[in-house]
């Protein structure tokens, strides 16, 4: 549900969106890409004990240091944040559309 809502909001802003709900789906989406993603948005906690760490590692192996926006309804510990690359931002959810847009811009360094 959250993935669909986020996808709709991003498409309304004119973003080209690919969705994935797991590490394996993320790898398949990356394999289908013609261009390196401008930004990857991921929840911190995923199904099957996967986390944003798994997504970030897969993206960086495939595409290099792509900016990442991590979403979470729960607090993320400093130890977890310390493992993230420099171009990673955290957004607590739920978040309003203008806050999401601001964090996307921040993550992409614009």
C-alpha atoms as a PDB file:
ATOM      1  CA  UNK A   1       0.000   0.000   0.000  1.00  0.00           C
ATOM      2  CA  UNK A   2       2.756   2.425   0.990  1.00  0.00           C
ATOM      3  CA  UNK A   3       4.772   1.482  -2.097  1.00  0.00           C
ATOM      4  CA  UNK A   4       1.796   2.170  -4.377  1.00  0.00           C
ATOM      5  CA  UNK A   5       1.056   5.532  -2.735  1.00  0.00           C
ATOM      6  CA  UNK A   6       4.682   6.629  -2.972  1.00  0.00           C
ATOM      7  CA  UNK A   7       4.906   5.483  -6.581  1.00  0.00           C
ATOM      8  CA  UNK A   8       1.756   7.446  -7.502  1.00  0.00           C
ATOM      9  CA  UNK A   9       3.082  10.604  -5.799  1.00  0.00           C
ATOM     10  CA  UNK A  10       6.437  10.350  -7.576  1.00  0.00           C
ATOM     11  CA  UNK A  11       4.785   9.757 -10.955  1.00  0.00           C
ATOM     12  CA  UNK A  12       2.544  12.773 -10.364  1.00  0.00           C
ATOM     13  CA  UNK A  13       5.759  14.809  -9.993  1.00  0.00           C
ATOM     14  CA  UNK A  14       6.992  13.459 -13.327  1.00  0.00           C
ATOM     15  CA  UNK A  15       9.435  10.886 -11.960  1.00  0.00           C
ATOM     16  CA  UNK A  16      10.146   7.688 -13.872  1.00  0.00           C
ATOM     17  CA  UNK A  17       9.491   5.062 -11.190  1.00  0.00           C
ATOM     18  CA  UNK A  18      10.465   1.425 -10.858  1.00  0.00           C
ATOM     19  CA  UNK A  19       9.134  -0.410  -7.832  1.00  0.00           C
ATOM     20  CA  UNK A  20      10.544  -3.345  -5.918  1.00  0.00           C
ATOM     21  CA  UNK A  21       9.525  -4.773  -2.578  1.00  0.00           C
ATOM     22  CA  UNK A  22      12.534  -6.994  -1.867  1.00  0.00           C
ATOM     23  CA  UNK A  23      16.228  -7.368  -2.520  1.00  0.00           C
ATOM     24  CA  UNK A  24      15.624  -9.855  -5.352  1.00  0.00           C
ATOM     25  CA  UNK A  25      13.099  -7.517  -7.017  1.00  0.00           C
ATOM     26  CA  UNK A  26      15.559  -4.641  -6.628  1.00  0.00           C
ATOM     27  CA  UNK A  27      18.265  -6.644  -8.363  1.00  0.00           C
ATOM     28  CA  UNK A  28      15.873  -7.474 -11.224  1.00  0.00           C
ATOM     29  CA  UNK A  29      14.875  -3.810 -11.577  1.00  0.00           C
ATOM     30  CA  UNK A  30      18.518  -2.742 -11.645  1.00  0.00           C
ATOM     31  CA  UNK A  31      19.284  -5.358 -14.307  1.00  0.00           C
ATOM     32  CA  UNK A  32      16.478  -3.904 -16.467  1.00  0.00           C
ATOM     33  CA  UNK A  33      17.756  -0.320 -16.176  1.00  0.00           C
ATOM     34  CA  UNK A  34      19.278   1.409 -19.162  1.00  0.00           C
ATOM     35  CA  UNK A  35      20.429   4.353 -17.018  1.00  0.00           C
ATOM     36  CA  UNK A  36      21.768   4.592 -13.477  1.00  0.00           C
ATOM     37  CA  UNK A  37      18.986   5.673 -11.093  1.00  0.00           C
ATOM     38  CA  UNK A  38      19.026   9.304  -9.986  1.00  0.00           C
ATOM     39  CA  UNK A  39      17.758   8.261  -6.551  1.00  0.00           C
ATOM     40  CA  UNK A  40      16.756   5.085  -4.724  1.00  0.00           C
ATOM     41  CA  UNK A  41      14.068   5.292  -2.064  1.00  0.00           C
ATOM     42  CA  UNK A  42      13.796   2.342   0.308  1.00  0.00           C
ATOM     43  CA  UNK A  43      12.178   1.476   3.587  1.00  0.00           C
ATOM     44  CA  UNK A  44      14.687   0.578   6.249  1.00  0.00           C
ATOM     45  CA  UNK A  45      12.932  -2.628   7.296  1.00  0.00           C
ATOM     46  CA  UNK A  46      11.825  -4.954   4.514  1.00  0.00           C
ATOM     47  CA  UNK A  47      10.349  -8.457   4.481  1.00  0.00           C
ATOM     48  CA  UNK A  48      12.467 -11.571   5.025  1.00  0.00           C
ATOM     49  CA  UNK A  49      14.774  -9.748   7.477  1.00  0.00           C
ATOM     50  CA  UNK A  50      16.142  -7.580   4.667  1.00  0.00           C
ATOM     51  CA  UNK A  51      17.003  -3.964   5.400  1.00  0.00           C
ATOM     52  CA  UNK A  52      18.078  -0.831   3.604  1.00  0.00           C
ATOM     53  CA  UNK A  53      21.677  -2.029   4.073  1.00  0.00           C
ATOM     54  CA  UNK A  54      20.954  -4.887   1.650  1.00  0.00           C
ATOM     55  CA  UNK A  55      19.348  -2.561  -0.904  1.00  0.00           C
ATOM     56  CA  UNK A  56      22.144   0.007  -0.661  1.00  0.00           C
ATOM     57  CA  UNK A  57      24.811  -2.667  -1.160  1.00  0.00           C
ATOM     58  CA  UNK A  58      23.031  -4.110  -4.229  1.00  0.00           C
ATOM     59  CA  UNK A  59      22.518  -0.679  -5.780  1.00  0.00           C
ATOM     60  CA  UNK A  60      26.132   0.338  -5.221  1.00  0.00           C
ATOM     61  CA  UNK A  61      27.472  -2.912  -6.693  1.00  0.00           C
ATOM     62  CA  UNK A  62      25.269  -2.467  -9.776  1.00  0.00           C
ATOM     63  CA  UNK A  63      25.243   1.303 -10.258  1.00  0.00           C
ATOM     64  CA  UNK A  64      27.869   2.928  -8.067  1.00  0.00           C
ATOM     65  CA  UNK A  65      27.217   5.584  -5.425  1.00  0.00           C
ATOM     66  CA  UNK A  66      23.573   6.396  -6.182  1.00  0.00           C
ATOM     67  CA  UNK A  67      21.878   8.774  -3.715  1.00  0.00           C
ATOM     68  CA  UNK A  68      19.620   6.918  -1.280  1.00  0.00           C
ATOM     69  CA  UNK A  69      16.593   8.067   0.719  1.00  0.00           C
ATOM     70  CA  UNK A  70      15.721   5.688   3.550  1.00  0.00           C
ATOM     71  CA  UNK A  71      12.175   5.790   4.929  1.00  0.00           C
ATOM     72  CA  UNK A  72      11.285   4.467   8.362  1.00  0.00           C
ATOM     73  CA  UNK A  73       8.437   4.757  10.830  1.00  0.00           C
ATOM     74  CA  UNK A  74      10.824   3.566  13.545  1.00  0.00           C
ATOM     75  CA  UNK A  75      13.979   5.115  14.893  1.00  0.00           C
ATOM     76  CA  UNK A  76      17.221   4.013  13.277  1.00  0.00           C
ATOM     77  CA  UNK A  77      20.247   3.567  15.530  1.00  0.00           C
ATOM     78  CA  UNK A  78      23.488   5.465  15.080  1.00  0.00           C
ATOM     79  CA  UNK A  79      25.319   2.192  14.366  1.00  0.00           C
ATOM     80  CA  UNK A  80      23.040   1.535  11.375  1.00  0.00           C
ATOM     81  CA  UNK A  81      23.315   5.122  10.119  1.00  0.00           C
ATOM     82  CA  UNK A  82      27.109   4.954  10.370  1.00  0.00           C
ATOM     83  CA  UNK A  83      27.101   2.133   7.788  1.00  0.00           C
ATOM     84  CA  UNK A  84      25.365   4.295   5.168  1.00  0.00           C
ATOM     85  CA  UNK A  85      27.256   6.071   2.389  1.00  0.00           C
ATOM     86  CA  UNK A  86      27.542   9.849   2.622  1.00  0.00           C
ATOM     87  CA  UNK A  87      24.789  10.459   0.051  1.00  0.00           C
ATOM     88  CA  UNK A  88      22.127   8.714   2.181  1.00  0.00           C
ATOM     89  CA  UNK A  89      19.298  10.612   3.872  1.00  0.00           C
ATOM     90  CA  UNK A  90      16.707   9.416   6.382  1.00  0.00           C
ATOM     91  CA  UNK A  91      13.050  10.461   6.391  1.00  0.00           C
ATOM     92  CA  UNK A  92      10.676   9.440   9.154  1.00  0.00           C
ATOM     93  CA  UNK A  93       7.267   8.397   7.886  1.00  0.00           C
ATOM     94  CA  UNK A  94       4.599   9.345   7.520  1.00  0.00           C
ATOM     95  CA  UNK A  95       5.805  12.507   5.828  1.00  0.00           C
ATOM     96  CA  UNK A  96       3.957  15.146   3.861  1.00  0.00           C
ATOM     97  CA  UNK A  97       4.624  15.495   0.143  1.00  0.00           C
ATOM     98  CA  UNK A  98       6.602  18.741   0.482  1.00  0.00           C
ATOM     99  CA  UNK A  99       8.891  17.164   3.096  1.00  0.00           C
ATOM    100  CA  UNK A 100       9.417  14.135   0.833  1.00  0.00           C
ATOM    101  CA  UNK A 101      10.315  16.397  -2.095  1.00  0.00           C
ATOM    102  CA  UNK A 102      12.752  18.360   0.080  1.00  0.00           C
ATOM    103  CA  UNK A 103      14.496  15.209   1.268  1.00  0.00           C
ATOM    104  CA  UNK A 104      14.712  13.844  -2.272  1.00  0.00           C
ATOM    105  CA  UNK A 105      16.342  17.099  -3.363  1.00  0.00           C
ATOM    106  CA  UNK A 106      18.737  16.984  -0.402  1.00  0.00           C
ATOM    107  CA  UNK A 107      19.715  13.363  -1.108  1.00  0.00           C
ATOM    108  CA  UNK A 108      20.464  14.178  -4.764  1.00  0.00           C
ATOM    109  CA  UNK A 109      22.557  17.160  -3.717  1.00  0.00           C
ATOM    110  CA  UNK A 110      20.478  19.733  -5.572  1.00  0.00           C
END
